[in-house]
PDB file of N, CA and C in Angstrom:
ATOM      1  N   MET A   1       0.850  -1.183   0.000  1.00  0.00           N
ATOM      2  CA  MET A   1       0.000   0.000   0.000  1.00  0.00           C
ATOM      3  C   MET A   1       0.890   1.238   0.000  1.00  0.00           C
ATOM      4  N   SER A   2       0.707   2.094  -0.975  1.00  0.00           N
ATOM      5  CA  SER A   2       1.557   3.275  -1.064  1.00  0.00           C
ATOM      6  C   SER A   2       1.044   4.362  -0.120  1.00  0.00           C
ATOM      7  N   GLU A   3       1.984   5.084   0.420  1.00  0.00           N
ATOM      8  CA  GLU A   3       1.633   6.165   1.352  1.00  0.00           C
ATOM      9  C   GLU A   3       1.408   7.441   0.553  1.00  0.00           C
ATOM     10  N   GLU A   4       0.251   8.044   0.732  1.00  0.00           N
ATOM     11  CA  GLU A   4      -0.066   9.285   0.025  1.00  0.00           C
ATOM     12  C   GLU A   4       0.569  10.450   0.757  1.00  0.00           C
ATOM     13  N   ILE A   5       1.254  11.291   0.009  1.00  0.00           N
ATOM     14  CA  ILE A   5       1.907  12.458   0.605  1.00  0.00           C
ATOM     15  C   ILE A   5       0.948  13.640   0.536  1.00  0.00           C
ATOM     16  N   HIS A   6       0.717  14.265   1.679  1.00  0.00           N
ATOM     17  CA  HIS A   6      -0.171  15.427   1.756  1.00  0.00           C
ATOM     18  C   HIS A   6       0.703  16.672   1.811  1.00  0.00           C
ATOM     19  N   LYS A   7       0.567  17.515   0.825  1.00  0.00           N
ATOM     20  CA  LYS A   7       1.347  18.740   0.776  1.00  0.00           C
ATOM     21  C   LYS A   7       0.799  19.734   1.794  1.00  0.00           C
ATOM     22  N   LEU A   8       1.702  20.422   2.440  1.00  0.00           N
ATOM     23  CA  LEU A   8       1.330  21.472   3.386  1.00  0.00           C
ATOM     24  C   LEU A   8       1.749  22.814   2.807  1.00  0.00           C
ATOM     25  N   TYR A   9       0.929  23.832   3.055  1.00  0.00           N
ATOM     26  CA  TYR A   9       1.158  25.166   2.525  1.00  0.00           C
ATOM     27  C   TYR A   9       1.418  26.126   3.680  1.00  0.00           C
ATOM     28  N   THR A  10       2.414  26.992   3.525  1.00  0.00           N
ATOM     29  CA  THR A  10       2.673  28.018   4.536  1.00  0.00           C
ATOM     30  C   THR A  10       1.548  29.044   4.491  1.00  0.00           C
ATOM     31  N   THR A  11       1.521  29.901   5.474  1.00  0.00           N
ATOM     32  CA  THR A  11       0.513  30.958   5.520  1.00  0.00           C
ATOM     33  C   THR A  11       0.589  31.816   4.258  1.00  0.00           C
ATOM     34  N   GLN A  12       1.799  32.156   3.843  1.00  0.00           N
ATOM     35  CA  GLN A  12       1.970  32.979   2.649  1.00  0.00           C
ATOM     36  C   GLN A  12       1.462  32.252   1.402  1.00  0.00           C
ATOM     37  N   GLN A  13       1.774  30.969   1.267  1.00  0.00           N
ATOM     38  CA  GLN A  13       1.317  30.195   0.115  1.00  0.00           C
ATOM     39  C   GLN A  13      -0.200  30.041   0.110  1.00  0.00           C
ATOM     40  N   ALA A  14      -0.761  29.759   1.282  1.00  0.00           N
ATOM     41  CA  ALA A  14      -2.215  29.606   1.394  1.00  0.00           C
ATOM     42  C   ALA A  14      -2.915  30.921   1.062  1.00  0.00           C
ATOM     43  N   ALA A  15      -2.375  32.026   1.562  1.00  0.00           N
ATOM     44  CA  ALA A  15      -2.967  33.339   1.283  1.00  0.00           C
ATOM     45  C   ALA A  15      -2.928  33.631  -0.214  1.00  0.00           C
ATOM     46  N   GLN A  16      -1.823  33.296  -0.856  1.00  0.00           N
ATOM     47  CA  GLN A  16      -1.713  33.518  -2.297  1.00  0.00           C
ATOM     48  C   GLN A  16      -2.747  32.677  -3.047  1.00  0.00           C
ATOM     49  N   GLU A  17      -2.929  31.439  -2.630  1.00  0.00           N
ATOM     50  CA  GLU A  17      -3.936  30.567  -3.254  1.00  0.00           C
ATOM     51  C   GLU A  17      -5.340  31.142  -3.096  1.00  0.00           C
ATOM     52  N   LEU A  18      -5.591  31.798  -1.951  1.00  0.00           N
ATOM     53  CA  LEU A  18      -6.914  32.342  -1.654  1.00  0.00           C
ATOM     54  C   LEU A  18      -7.113  33.756  -2.202  1.00  0.00           C
ATOM     55  N   GLY A  19      -6.029  34.393  -2.602  1.00  0.00           N
ATOM     56  CA  GLY A  19      -6.142  35.759  -3.107  1.00  0.00           C
ATOM     57  C   GLY A  19      -6.345  36.785  -2.009  1.00  0.00           C
ATOM     58  N   VAL A  20      -5.808  36.492  -0.819  1.00  0.00           N
ATOM     59  CA  VAL A  20      -5.885  37.428   0.306  1.00  0.00           C
ATOM     60  C   VAL A  20      -4.474  37.676   0.811  1.00  0.00           C
ATOM     61  N   SER A  21      -4.318  38.646   1.691  1.00  0.00           N
ATOM     62  CA  SER A  21      -3.002  38.905   2.267  1.00  0.00           C
ATOM     63  C   SER A  21      -2.717  37.886   3.368  1.00  0.00           C
ATOM     64  N   ASP A  22      -1.436  37.648   3.606  1.00  0.00           N
ATOM     65  CA  ASP A  22      -1.090  36.710   4.670  1.00  0.00           C
ATOM     66  C   ASP A  22      -1.464  37.273   6.041  1.00  0.00           C
ATOM     67  N   SER A  23      -1.484  38.600   6.180  1.00  0.00           N
ATOM     68  CA  SER A  23      -1.892  39.180   7.468  1.00  0.00           C
ATOM     69  C   SER A  23      -3.378  38.934   7.715  1.00  0.00           C
ATOM     70  N   LEU A  24      -4.216  38.985   6.657  1.00  0.00           N
ATOM     71  CA  LEU A  24      -5.637  38.676   6.820  1.00  0.00           C
ATOM     72  C   LEU A  24      -5.811  37.219   7.224  1.00  0.00           C
ATOM     73  N   LEU A  25      -5.041  36.331   6.630  1.00  0.00           N
ATOM     74  CA  LEU A  25      -5.136  34.920   6.983  1.00  0.00           C
ATOM     75  C   LEU A  25      -4.733  34.698   8.445  1.00  0.00           C
ATOM     76  N   ARG A  26      -3.734  35.425   8.913  1.00  0.00           N
ATOM     77  CA  ARG A  26      -3.335  35.311  10.326  1.00  0.00           C
ATOM     78  C   ARG A  26      -4.449  35.822  11.251  1.00  0.00           C
ATOM     79  N   VAL A  27      -5.123  36.887  10.848  1.00  0.00           N
ATOM     80  CA  VAL A  27      -6.265  37.402  11.620  1.00  0.00           C
ATOM     81  C   VAL A  27      -7.363  36.339  11.661  1.00  0.00           C
ATOM     82  N   MET A  28      -7.588  35.664  10.535  1.00  0.00           N
ATOM     83  CA  MET A  28      -8.596  34.608  10.487  1.00  0.00           C
ATOM     84  C   MET A  28      -8.238  33.460  11.432  1.00  0.00           C
ATOM     85  N   ILE A  29      -6.949  33.160  11.565  1.00  0.00           N
ATOM     86  CA  ILE A  29      -6.513  32.129  12.513  1.00  0.00           C
ATOM     87  C   ILE A  29      -6.839  32.576  13.931  1.00  0.00           C
ATOM     88  N   ILE A  30      -6.496  33.815  14.258  1.00  0.00           N
ATOM     89  CA  ILE A  30      -6.742  34.353  15.603  1.00  0.00           C
ATOM     90  C   ILE A  30      -8.236  34.368  15.911  1.00  0.00           C
ATOM     91  N   ASN A  31      -9.058  34.727  14.916  1.00  0.00           N
ATOM     92  CA  ASN A  31     -10.511  34.803  15.103  1.00  0.00           C
ATOM     93  C   ASN A  31     -11.185  33.436  15.089  1.00  0.00           C
ATOM     94  N   GLY A  32     -10.440  32.407  14.736  1.00  0.00           N
ATOM     95  CA  GLY A  32     -11.010  31.064  14.731  1.00  0.00           C
ATOM     96  C   GLY A  32     -11.809  30.727  13.482  1.00  0.00           C
ATOM     97  N   THR A  33     -11.573  31.455  12.386  1.00  0.00           N
ATOM     98  CA  THR A  33     -12.277  31.147  11.146  1.00  0.00           C
ATOM     99  C   THR A  33     -11.409  30.372  10.162  1.00  0.00           C
ATOM    100  N   ALA A  34     -10.101  30.311  10.400  1.00  0.00           N
ATOM    101  CA  ALA A  34      -9.185  29.513   9.590  1.00  0.00           C
ATOM    102  C   ALA A  34      -8.482  28.531  10.526  1.00  0.00           C
ATOM    103  N   TYR A  35      -8.350  27.300  10.068  1.00  0.00           N
ATOM    104  CA  TYR A  35      -7.810  26.239  10.911  1.00  0.00           C
ATOM    105  C   TYR A  35      -6.568  25.620  10.284  1.00  0.00           C
ATOM    106  N   PRO A  36      -5.388  26.132  10.637  1.00  0.00           N
ATOM    107  CA  PRO A  36      -4.171  25.530  10.108  1.00  0.00           C
ATOM    108  C   PRO A  36      -3.979  24.128  10.683  1.00  0.00           C
ATOM    109  N   LYS A  37      -3.243  23.304   9.959  1.00  0.00           N
ATOM    110  CA  LYS A  37      -2.987  21.922  10.390  1.00  0.00           C
ATOM    111  C   LYS A  37      -2.134  21.920  11.650  1.00  0.00           C
ATOM    112  N   GLN A  38      -1.036  22.685  11.620  1.00  0.00           N
ATOM    113  CA  GLN A  38      -0.136  22.740  12.771  1.00  0.00           C
ATOM    114  C   GLN A  38       0.812  23.907  12.612  1.00  0.00           C
ATOM    115  N   LYS A  39       1.589  24.138  13.647  1.00  0.00           N
ATOM    116  CA  LYS A  39       2.599  25.186  13.605  1.00  0.00           C
ATOM    117  C   LYS A  39       3.961  24.499  13.568  1.00  0.00           C
ATOM    118  N   ILE A  40       4.755  24.840  12.578  1.00  0.00           N
ATOM    119  CA  ILE A  40       6.105  24.298  12.461  1.00  0.00           C
ATOM    120  C   ILE A  40       7.060  25.461  12.642  1.00  0.00           C
ATOM    121  N   GLY A  41       7.780  25.455  13.736  1.00  0.00           N
ATOM    122  CA  GLY A  41       8.629  26.601  14.058  1.00  0.00           C
ATOM    123  C   GLY A  41       7.752  27.805  14.313  1.00  0.00           C
ATOM    124  N   ASN A  42       7.959  28.860  13.545  1.00  0.00           N
ATOM    125  CA  ASN A  42       7.147  30.075  13.676  1.00  0.00           C
ATOM    126  C   ASN A  42       6.067  30.173  12.612  1.00  0.00           C
ATOM    127  N   SER A  43       5.902  29.127  11.812  1.00  0.00           N
ATOM    128  CA  SER A  43       4.976  29.188  10.687  1.00  0.00           C
ATOM    129  C   SER A  43       3.801  28.234  10.851  1.00  0.00           C
ATOM    130  N   TRP A  44       2.610  28.734  10.556  1.00  0.00           N
ATOM    131  CA  TRP A  44       1.436  27.880  10.474  1.00  0.00           C
ATOM    132  C   TRP A  44       1.432  27.231   9.104  1.00  0.00           C
ATOM    133  N   VAL A  45       0.960  25.992   9.017  1.00  0.00           N
ATOM    134  CA  VAL A  45       0.830  25.324   7.724  1.00  0.00           C
ATOM    135  C   VAL A  45      -0.600  24.842   7.537  1.00  0.00           C
ATOM    136  N   PHE A  46      -1.044  24.866   6.288  1.00  0.00           N
ATOM    137  CA  PHE A  46      -2.412  24.527   5.930  1.00  0.00           C
ATOM    138  C   PHE A  46      -2.437  23.349   4.977  1.00  0.00           C
ATOM    139  N   THR A  47      -3.491  22.559   5.077  1.00  0.00           N
ATOM    140  CA  THR A  47      -3.722  21.489   4.110  1.00  0.00           C
ATOM    141  C   THR A  47      -4.504  22.059   2.932  1.00  0.00           C
ATOM    142  N   LEU A  48      -4.482  21.357   1.826  1.00  0.00           N
ATOM    143  CA  LEU A  48      -5.251  21.773   0.659  1.00  0.00           C
ATOM    144  C   LEU A  48      -6.749  21.736   0.970  1.00  0.00           C
ATOM    145  N   ASP A  49      -7.177  20.777   1.793  1.00  0.00           N
ATOM    146  CA  ASP A  49      -8.591  20.709   2.186  1.00  0.00           C
ATOM    147  C   ASP A  49      -9.035  21.988   2.897  1.00  0.00           C
ATOM    148  N   GLU A  50      -8.191  22.498   3.790  1.00  0.00           N
ATOM    149  CA  GLU A  50      -8.544  23.723   4.520  1.00  0.00           C
ATOM    150  C   GLU A  50      -8.545  24.927   3.581  1.00  0.00           C
ATOM    151  N   ILE A  51      -7.603  24.975   2.652  1.00  0.00           N
ATOM    152  CA  ILE A  51      -7.575  26.066   1.680  1.00  0.00           C
ATOM    153  C   ILE A  51      -8.850  26.043   0.845  1.00  0.00           C
ATOM    154  N   GLU A  52      -9.269  24.869   0.425  1.00  0.00           N
ATOM    155  CA  GLU A  52     -10.505  24.751  -0.363  1.00  0.00           C
ATOM    156  C   GLU A  52     -11.727  25.144   0.466  1.00  0.00           C
ATOM    157  N   ARG A  53     -11.744  24.772   1.738  1.00  0.00           N
ATOM    158  CA  ARG A  53     -12.853  25.161   2.613  1.00  0.00           C
ATOM    159  C   ARG A  53     -12.926  26.679   2.723  1.00  0.00           C
ATOM    160  N   LEU A  54     -11.774  27.309   2.898  1.00  0.00           N
ATOM    161  CA  LEU A  54     -11.740  28.766   3.005  1.00  0.00           C
ATOM    162  C   LEU A  54     -12.124  29.430   1.683  1.00  0.00           C
ATOM    163  N   ARG A  55     -11.743  28.832   0.586  1.00  0.00           N
ATOM    164  CA  ARG A  55     -12.060  29.382  -0.732  1.00  0.00           C
ATOM    165  C   ARG A  55     -13.571  29.440  -0.955  1.00  0.00           C
ATOM    166  N   HIS A  56     -14.292  28.476  -0.412  1.00  0.00           N
ATOM    167  CA  HIS A  56     -15.736  28.385  -0.631  1.00  0.00           C
ATOM    168  C   HIS A  56     -16.557  28.866   0.564  1.00  0.00           C
ATOM    169  N   ARG A  57     -15.928  29.582   1.477  1.00  0.00           N
ATOM    170  CA  ARG A  57     -16.627  30.059   2.666  1.00  0.00           C
ATOM    171  C   ARG A  57     -17.584  31.182   2.304  1.00  0.00           C
ATOM    172  N   ASN A  58     -18.543  31.396   3.176  1.00  0.00           N
ATOM    173  CA  ASN A  58     -19.432  32.553   3.032  1.00  0.00           C
ATOM    174  C   ASN A  58     -18.657  33.773   3.489  1.00  0.00           C
ATOM    175  N   ARG A  59     -18.571  34.739   2.640  1.00  0.00           N
ATOM    176  CA  ARG A  59     -17.807  35.939   2.977  1.00  0.00           C
ATOM    177  C   ARG A  59     -18.736  37.039   3.433  1.00  0.00           C
ATOM    178  N   LYS A  60     -18.290  37.754   4.441  1.00  0.00           N
ATOM    179  CA  LYS A  60     -19.024  38.928   4.893  1.00  0.00           C
ATOM    180  C   LYS A  60     -18.572  40.092   4.036  1.00  0.00           C
ATOM    181  N   THR A  61     -19.502  40.888   3.628  1.00  0.00           N
ATOM    182  CA  THR A  61     -19.137  42.067   2.852  1.00  0.00           C
ATOM    183  C   THR A  61     -19.118  43.276   3.764  1.00  0.00           C
ATOM    184  N   GLY A  62     -18.254  44.187   3.465  1.00  0.00           N
ATOM    185  CA  GLY A  62     -18.158  45.417   4.234  1.00  0.00           C
ATOM    186  C   GLY A  62     -19.214  46.402   3.774  1.00  0.00           C
ATOM    187  N   PRO A  63     -19.183  47.594   4.316  1.00  0.00           N
ATOM    188  CA  PRO A  63     -20.160  48.604   3.909  1.00  0.00           C
ATOM    189  C   PRO A  63     -19.957  48.978   2.448  1.00  0.00           C
ATOM    190  N   ALA A  64     -21.013  49.369   1.805  1.00  0.00           N
ATOM    191  CA  ALA A  64     -20.926  49.790   0.404  1.00  0.00           C
ATOM    192  C   ALA A  64     -20.020  51.003   0.299  1.00  0.00           C
ATOM    193  N   LYS A  65     -19.345  51.120  -0.821  1.00  0.00           N
ATOM    194  CA  LYS A  65     -18.436  52.250  -1.005  1.00  0.00           C
ATOM    195  C   LYS A  65     -19.204  53.556  -0.899  1.00  0.00           C
ATOM    196  N   GLY A  66     -18.612  54.494  -0.184  1.00  0.00           N
ATOM    197  CA  GLY A  66     -19.217  55.814  -0.057  1.00  0.00           C
ATOM    198  C   GLY A  66     -20.195  55.945   1.097  1.00  0.00           C
ATOM    199  N   THR A  67     -20.561  54.868   1.758  1.00  0.00           N
ATOM    200  CA  THR A  67     -21.559  54.973   2.824  1.00  0.00           C
ATOM    201  C   THR A  67     -21.018  55.718   4.029  1.00  0.00           C
ATOM    202  N   LYS A  68     -19.727  55.623   4.276  1.00  0.00           N
ATOM    203  CA  LYS A  68     -19.137  56.342   5.400  1.00  0.00           C
ATOM    204  C   LYS A  68     -19.239  57.850   5.153  1.00  0.00           C
ATOM    205  N   ARG A  69     -18.917  58.250   3.938  1.00  0.00           N
ATOM    206  CA  ARG A  69     -18.981  59.669   3.586  1.00  0.00           C
ATOM    207  C   ARG A  69     -20.434  60.155   3.666  1.00  0.00           C
ATOM    208  N   GLN A  70     -21.368  59.346   3.149  1.00  0.00           N
ATOM    209  CA  GLN A  70     -22.767  59.746   3.178  1.00  0.00           C
ATOM    210  C   GLN A  70     -23.268  59.892   4.604  1.00  0.00           C
ATOM    211  N   ALA A  71     -22.817  59.045   5.495  1.00  0.00           N
ATOM    212  CA  ALA A  71     -23.214  59.131   6.898  1.00  0.00           C
ATOM    213  C   ALA A  71     -22.662  60.416   7.519  1.00  0.00           C
ATOM    214  N   LYS A  72     -21.406  60.785   7.190  1.00  0.00           N
ATOM    215  CA  LYS A  72     -20.832  62.016   7.708  1.00  0.00           C
ATOM    216  C   LYS A  72     -21.598  63.228   7.186  1.00  0.00           C
ATOM    217  N   GLU A  73     -21.916  63.215   5.887  1.00  0.00           N
ATOM    218  CA  GLU A  73     -22.639  64.334   5.299  1.00  0.00           C
ATOM    219  C   GLU A  73     -24.034  64.472   5.896  1.00  0.00           C
ATOM    220  N   ALA A  74     -24.665  63.381   6.240  1.00  0.00           N
ATOM    221  CA  ALA A  74     -26.002  63.421   6.849  1.00  0.00           C
ATOM    222  C   ALA A  74     -25.933  64.047   8.233  1.00  0.00           C
ATOM    223  N   LYS A  75     -24.836  63.786   8.974  1.00  0.00           N
ATOM    224  CA  LYS A  75     -24.681  64.363  10.319  1.00  0.00           C
ATOM    225  C   LYS A  75     -24.444  65.870  10.241  1.00  0.00           C
ATOM    226  N   VAL A  76     -23.755  66.303   9.211  1.00  0.00           N
ATOM    227  CA  VAL A  76     -23.418  67.721   9.058  1.00  0.00           C
ATOM    228  C   VAL A  76     -24.656  68.539   8.747  1.00  0.00           C
ATOM    229  N   LYS A  77     -25.591  67.987   7.988  1.00  0.00           N
ATOM    230  CA  LYS A  77     -26.794  68.734   7.571  1.00  0.00           C
ATOM    231  C   LYS A  77     -27.720  69.056   8.679  1.00  0.00           C
TER     232      LYS A  77
END
């Protein structure tokens, strides 16, 4: 029986695969929304399964562009 090798991705590699910054991915780890496989030295590593899970996650959208300015202008009036 052959042993299947599972590739592990660093935080930077996983972030690149997801199209996000590595700092955002680290925030996701801290917030408990991203689950790295383990920490090796100072680096978190991710499995391809976790990267795929994150790729298909429900994303929260921020406020629509310009809404902050519109809110400020409404207060001024």
